[in-house]
């Protein structure tokens, strides 16, 4: 009976150790996940800071409207390049075939200049990373 009790105690000890190791692994994994999420956000924000700096410079600038407009257009181009570097691309162009997976049809119009289920106008561009849609494009659909 002592050998059986010893084996039971040994098995119980092993089970408790395994449970403790699993709990430590779970906590460590959770901390790593949170750190990765924070690092990812910091990386994105670091890439956006130069764009914010340029917006601040533009808002403080003195000059005529054309110069200001040109500066804002340059900032928009910089922002699009930054998003492209992050793997984000825009979609939603007039003439595309309407796809409910990528487009949010907010209006429908009869227009002979466009084919069936064609995007006639884009109100808000859509954005995606890879195949994941971040925001669908809001569009007017023809026919």
C-alpha atoms as a PDB file:
ATOM      1  CA  UNK A   1       0.000   0.000   0.000  1.00  0.00           C
ATOM      2  CA  UNK A   2       2.919   2.387   0.612  1.00  0.00           C
ATOM      3  CA  UNK A   3       4.164   2.017  -2.950  1.00  0.00           C
ATOM      4  CA  UNK A   4       0.686   2.889  -4.230  1.00  0.00           C
ATOM      5  CA  UNK A   5       0.480   5.941  -1.928  1.00  0.00           C
ATOM      6  CA  UNK A   6       3.954   7.038  -3.023  1.00  0.00           C
ATOM      7  CA  UNK A   7       2.975   6.725  -6.684  1.00  0.00           C
ATOM      8  CA  UNK A   8      -0.263   8.659  -6.019  1.00  0.00           C
ATOM      9  CA  UNK A   9       1.663  11.443  -4.238  1.00  0.00           C
ATOM     10  CA  UNK A  10       4.216  11.537  -7.063  1.00  0.00           C
ATOM     11  CA  UNK A  11       1.459  11.778  -9.701  1.00  0.00           C
ATOM     12  CA  UNK A  12      -0.359  14.463  -7.681  1.00  0.00           C
ATOM     13  CA  UNK A  13       2.869  16.462  -7.365  1.00  0.00           C
ATOM     14  CA  UNK A  14       3.509  16.127 -11.102  1.00  0.00           C
ATOM     15  CA  UNK A  15      -0.044  17.289 -11.846  1.00  0.00           C
ATOM     16  CA  UNK A  16       0.331  20.327  -9.569  1.00  0.00           C
ATOM     17  CA  UNK A  17       3.661  21.237 -11.200  1.00  0.00           C
ATOM     18  CA  UNK A  18       2.148  20.913 -14.678  1.00  0.00           C
ATOM     19  CA  UNK A  19      -0.797  23.117 -13.666  1.00  0.00           C
ATOM     20  CA  UNK A  20       1.594  25.734 -12.235  1.00  0.00           C
ATOM     21  CA  UNK A  21       3.764  25.654 -15.375  1.00  0.00           C
ATOM     22  CA  UNK A  22       0.671  26.112 -17.534  1.00  0.00           C
ATOM     23  CA  UNK A  23      -0.504  29.070 -15.423  1.00  0.00           C
ATOM     24  CA  UNK A  24       2.943  30.687 -15.699  1.00  0.00           C
ATOM     25  CA  UNK A  25       2.928  30.081 -19.462  1.00  0.00           C
ATOM     26  CA  UNK A  26      -0.552  31.627 -19.759  1.00  0.00           C
ATOM     27  CA  UNK A  27       0.496  34.754 -17.811  1.00  0.00           C
ATOM     28  CA  UNK A  28       3.720  35.109 -19.785  1.00  0.00           C
ATOM     29  CA  UNK A  29       1.846  34.714 -23.080  1.00  0.00           C
ATOM     30  CA  UNK A  30      -0.681  37.353 -22.039  1.00  0.00           C
ATOM     31  CA  UNK A  31       2.109  39.794 -21.110  1.00  0.00           C
ATOM     32  CA  UNK A  32       3.895  39.133 -24.424  1.00  0.00           C
ATOM     33  CA  UNK A  33       0.654  39.683 -26.333  1.00  0.00           C
ATOM     34  CA  UNK A  34       0.045  42.994 -24.543  1.00  0.00           C
ATOM     35  CA  UNK A  35       3.647  44.086 -25.146  1.00  0.00           C
ATOM     36  CA  UNK A  36       3.376  43.201 -28.847  1.00  0.00           C
ATOM     37  CA  UNK A  37       0.150  45.173 -29.150  1.00  0.00           C
ATOM     38  CA  UNK A  38       1.717  48.201 -27.442  1.00  0.00           C
ATOM     39  CA  UNK A  39       4.844  47.934 -29.615  1.00  0.00           C
ATOM     40  CA  UNK A  40       2.696  47.741 -32.763  1.00  0.00           C
ATOM     41  CA  UNK A  41       0.741  50.841 -31.790  1.00  0.00           C
ATOM     42  CA  UNK A  42       3.970  52.687 -30.967  1.00  0.00           C
ATOM     43  CA  UNK A  43       5.430  51.718 -34.348  1.00  0.00           C
ATOM     44  CA  UNK A  44       2.394  53.064 -36.211  1.00  0.00           C
ATOM     45  CA  UNK A  45       2.340  56.269 -34.170  1.00  0.00           C
ATOM     46  CA  UNK A  46       6.072  56.774 -34.772  1.00  0.00           C
ATOM     47  CA  UNK A  47       5.431  56.589 -38.520  1.00  0.00           C
ATOM     48  CA  UNK A  48       2.539  59.071 -38.237  1.00  0.00           C
ATOM     49  CA  UNK A  49       4.419  61.678 -36.186  1.00  0.00           C
ATOM     50  CA  UNK A  50       6.113  63.336 -39.203  1.00  0.00           C
ATOM     51  CA  UNK A  51       2.675  63.774 -40.792  1.00  0.00           C
ATOM     52  CA  UNK A  52       1.342  65.375 -37.620  1.00  0.00           C
ATOM     53  CA  UNK A  53       4.414  67.643 -37.498  1.00  0.00           C
ATOM     54  CA  UNK A  54       3.675  68.821 -41.034  1.00  0.00           C
ATOM     55  CA  UNK A  55       0.017  69.476 -40.195  1.00  0.00           C
ATOM     56  CA  UNK A  56       1.153  71.593 -37.234  1.00  0.00           C
ATOM     57  CA  UNK A  57       3.577  73.519 -39.466  1.00  0.00           C
ATOM     58  CA  UNK A  58       0.824  74.069 -42.032  1.00  0.00           C
ATOM     59  CA  UNK A  59      -1.617  75.360 -39.435  1.00  0.00           C
ATOM     60  CA  UNK A  60       0.991  77.855 -38.188  1.00  0.00           C
ATOM     61  CA  UNK A  61       2.106  78.967 -41.660  1.00  0.00           C
ATOM     62  CA  UNK A  62       1.368  82.395 -43.075  1.00  0.00           C
ATOM     63  CA  UNK A  63       0.711  82.799 -46.776  1.00  0.00           C
ATOM     64  CA  UNK A  64      -1.835  82.750 -49.526  1.00  0.00           C
ATOM     65  CA  UNK A  65      -4.502  80.099 -50.047  1.00  0.00           C
ATOM     66  CA  UNK A  66      -2.768  78.452 -53.024  1.00  0.00           C
ATOM     67  CA  UNK A  67       0.438  77.906 -51.054  1.00  0.00           C
ATOM     68  CA  UNK A  68      -1.554  76.538 -48.131  1.00  0.00           C
ATOM     69  CA  UNK A  69      -3.522  74.197 -50.433  1.00  0.00           C
ATOM     70  CA  UNK A  70      -0.295  72.913 -52.014  1.00  0.00           C
ATOM     71  CA  UNK A  71       1.125  72.229 -48.539  1.00  0.00           C
ATOM     72  CA  UNK A  72      -1.972  70.293 -47.482  1.00  0.00           C
ATOM     73  CA  UNK A  73      -1.831  68.251 -50.702  1.00  0.00           C
ATOM     74  CA  UNK A  74       1.790  67.388 -49.921  1.00  0.00           C
ATOM     75  CA  UNK A  75       0.792  66.281 -46.419  1.00  0.00           C
ATOM     76  CA  UNK A  76      -1.990  64.081 -47.816  1.00  0.00           C
ATOM     77  CA  UNK A  77       0.534  62.494 -50.192  1.00  0.00           C
ATOM     78  CA  UNK A  78       2.911  61.941 -47.259  1.00  0.00           C
ATOM     79  CA  UNK A  79       0.101  60.332 -45.255  1.00  0.00           C
ATOM     80  CA  UNK A  80      -0.803  58.003 -48.135  1.00  0.00           C
ATOM     81  CA  UNK A  81       2.864  56.991 -48.505  1.00  0.00           C
ATOM     82  CA  UNK A  82       3.052  56.305 -44.769  1.00  0.00           C
ATOM     83  CA  UNK A  83      -0.062  54.139 -44.952  1.00  0.00           C
ATOM     84  CA  UNK A  84       1.360  52.320 -47.965  1.00  0.00           C
ATOM     85  CA  UNK A  85       4.563  51.631 -46.009  1.00  0.00           C
ATOM     86  CA  UNK A  86       2.386  50.118 -43.272  1.00  0.00           C
ATOM     87  CA  UNK A  87       0.782  47.795 -45.835  1.00  0.00           C
ATOM     88  CA  UNK A  88      -2.485  49.739 -46.044  1.00  0.00           C
ATOM     89  CA  UNK A  89      -3.932  50.543 -49.444  1.00  0.00           C
ATOM     90  CA  UNK A  90      -6.968  52.501 -50.551  1.00  0.00           C
ATOM     91  CA  UNK A  91      -9.648  51.267 -52.923  1.00  0.00           C
ATOM     92  CA  UNK A  92     -12.898  52.503 -54.351  1.00  0.00           C
ATOM     93  CA  UNK A  93     -12.668  54.141 -57.739  1.00  0.00           C
ATOM     94  CA  UNK A  94     -15.355  55.283 -60.137  1.00  0.00           C
ATOM     95  CA  UNK A  95     -15.925  52.599 -62.775  1.00  0.00           C
ATOM     96  CA  UNK A  96     -15.078  49.618 -60.542  1.00  0.00           C
ATOM     97  CA  UNK A  97     -17.534  46.765 -60.328  1.00  0.00           C
ATOM     98  CA  UNK A  98     -19.576  47.018 -57.124  1.00  0.00           C
ATOM     99  CA  UNK A  99     -18.547  44.359 -54.601  1.00  0.00           C
ATOM    100  CA  UNK A 100     -20.443  44.268 -51.289  1.00  0.00           C
ATOM    101  CA  UNK A 101     -17.338  42.818 -49.627  1.00  0.00           C
ATOM    102  CA  UNK A 102     -15.446  46.044 -50.353  1.00  0.00           C
ATOM    103  CA  UNK A 103     -18.110  48.659 -51.033  1.00  0.00           C
ATOM    104  CA  UNK A 104     -20.949  50.106 -48.994  1.00  0.00           C
ATOM    105  CA  UNK A 105     -23.619  51.156 -51.491  1.00  0.00           C
ATOM    106  CA  UNK A 106     -25.335  54.207 -50.020  1.00  0.00           C
ATOM    107  CA  UNK A 107     -27.141  55.347 -53.179  1.00  0.00           C
ATOM    108  CA  UNK A 108     -28.363  53.836 -56.406  1.00  0.00           C
ATOM    109  CA  UNK A 109     -28.723  55.757 -59.677  1.00  0.00           C
ATOM    110  CA  UNK A 110     -29.795  54.986 -63.227  1.00  0.00           C
ATOM    111  CA  UNK A 111     -27.019  56.177 -65.530  1.00  0.00           C
ATOM    112  CA  UNK A 112     -26.443  55.043 -69.108  1.00  0.00           C
ATOM    113  CA  UNK A 113     -22.754  56.000 -68.880  1.00  0.00           C
ATOM    114  CA  UNK A 114     -22.103  53.092 -66.489  1.00  0.00           C
ATOM    115  CA  UNK A 115     -22.715  49.369 -66.732  1.00  0.00           C
ATOM    116  CA  UNK A 116     -24.752  47.206 -64.387  1.00  0.00           C
ATOM    117  CA  UNK A 117     -23.528  47.219 -60.748  1.00  0.00           C
ATOM    118  CA  UNK A 118     -20.778  49.753 -61.424  1.00  0.00           C
ATOM    119  CA  UNK A 119     -19.470  52.338 -58.967  1.00  0.00           C
ATOM    120  CA  UNK A 120     -20.710  55.685 -60.295  1.00  0.00           C
ATOM    121  CA  UNK A 121     -19.302  57.895 -57.541  1.00  0.00           C
ATOM    122  CA  UNK A 122     -17.089  57.420 -54.498  1.00  0.00           C
ATOM    123  CA  UNK A 123     -18.083  59.356 -51.391  1.00  0.00           C
ATOM    124  CA  UNK A 124     -15.490  57.879 -49.015  1.00  0.00           C
ATOM    125  CA  UNK A 125     -12.541  55.727 -50.090  1.00  0.00           C
ATOM    126  CA  UNK A 126     -12.091  52.320 -48.540  1.00  0.00           C
ATOM    127  CA  UNK A 127      -8.900  50.975 -46.989  1.00  0.00           C
ATOM    128  CA  UNK A 128      -7.536  47.480 -46.514  1.00  0.00           C
ATOM    129  CA  UNK A 129      -4.468  45.686 -45.261  1.00  0.00           C
ATOM    130  CA  UNK A 130      -3.899  42.614 -47.376  1.00  0.00           C
ATOM    131  CA  UNK A 131      -7.349  41.131 -47.851  1.00  0.00           C
ATOM    132  CA  UNK A 132      -8.702  42.532 -44.570  1.00  0.00           C
ATOM    133  CA  UNK A 133     -11.021  45.485 -45.125  1.00  0.00           C
ATOM    134  CA  UNK A 134     -10.380  48.214 -42.571  1.00  0.00           C
ATOM    135  CA  UNK A 135     -13.167  50.430 -43.911  1.00  0.00           C
ATOM    136  CA  UNK A 136     -15.400  49.744 -46.906  1.00  0.00           C
ATOM    137  CA  UNK A 137     -15.726  52.425 -49.572  1.00  0.00           C
ATOM    138  CA  UNK A 138     -19.018  54.368 -49.477  1.00  0.00           C
ATOM    139  CA  UNK A 139     -20.236  54.562 -53.050  1.00  0.00           C
ATOM    140  CA  UNK A 140     -23.091  55.391 -55.390  1.00  0.00           C
ATOM    141  CA  UNK A 141     -23.955  52.362 -57.529  1.00  0.00           C
ATOM    142  CA  UNK A 142     -25.208  52.686 -61.087  1.00  0.00           C
ATOM    143  CA  UNK A 143     -28.088  50.693 -62.587  1.00  0.00           C
END
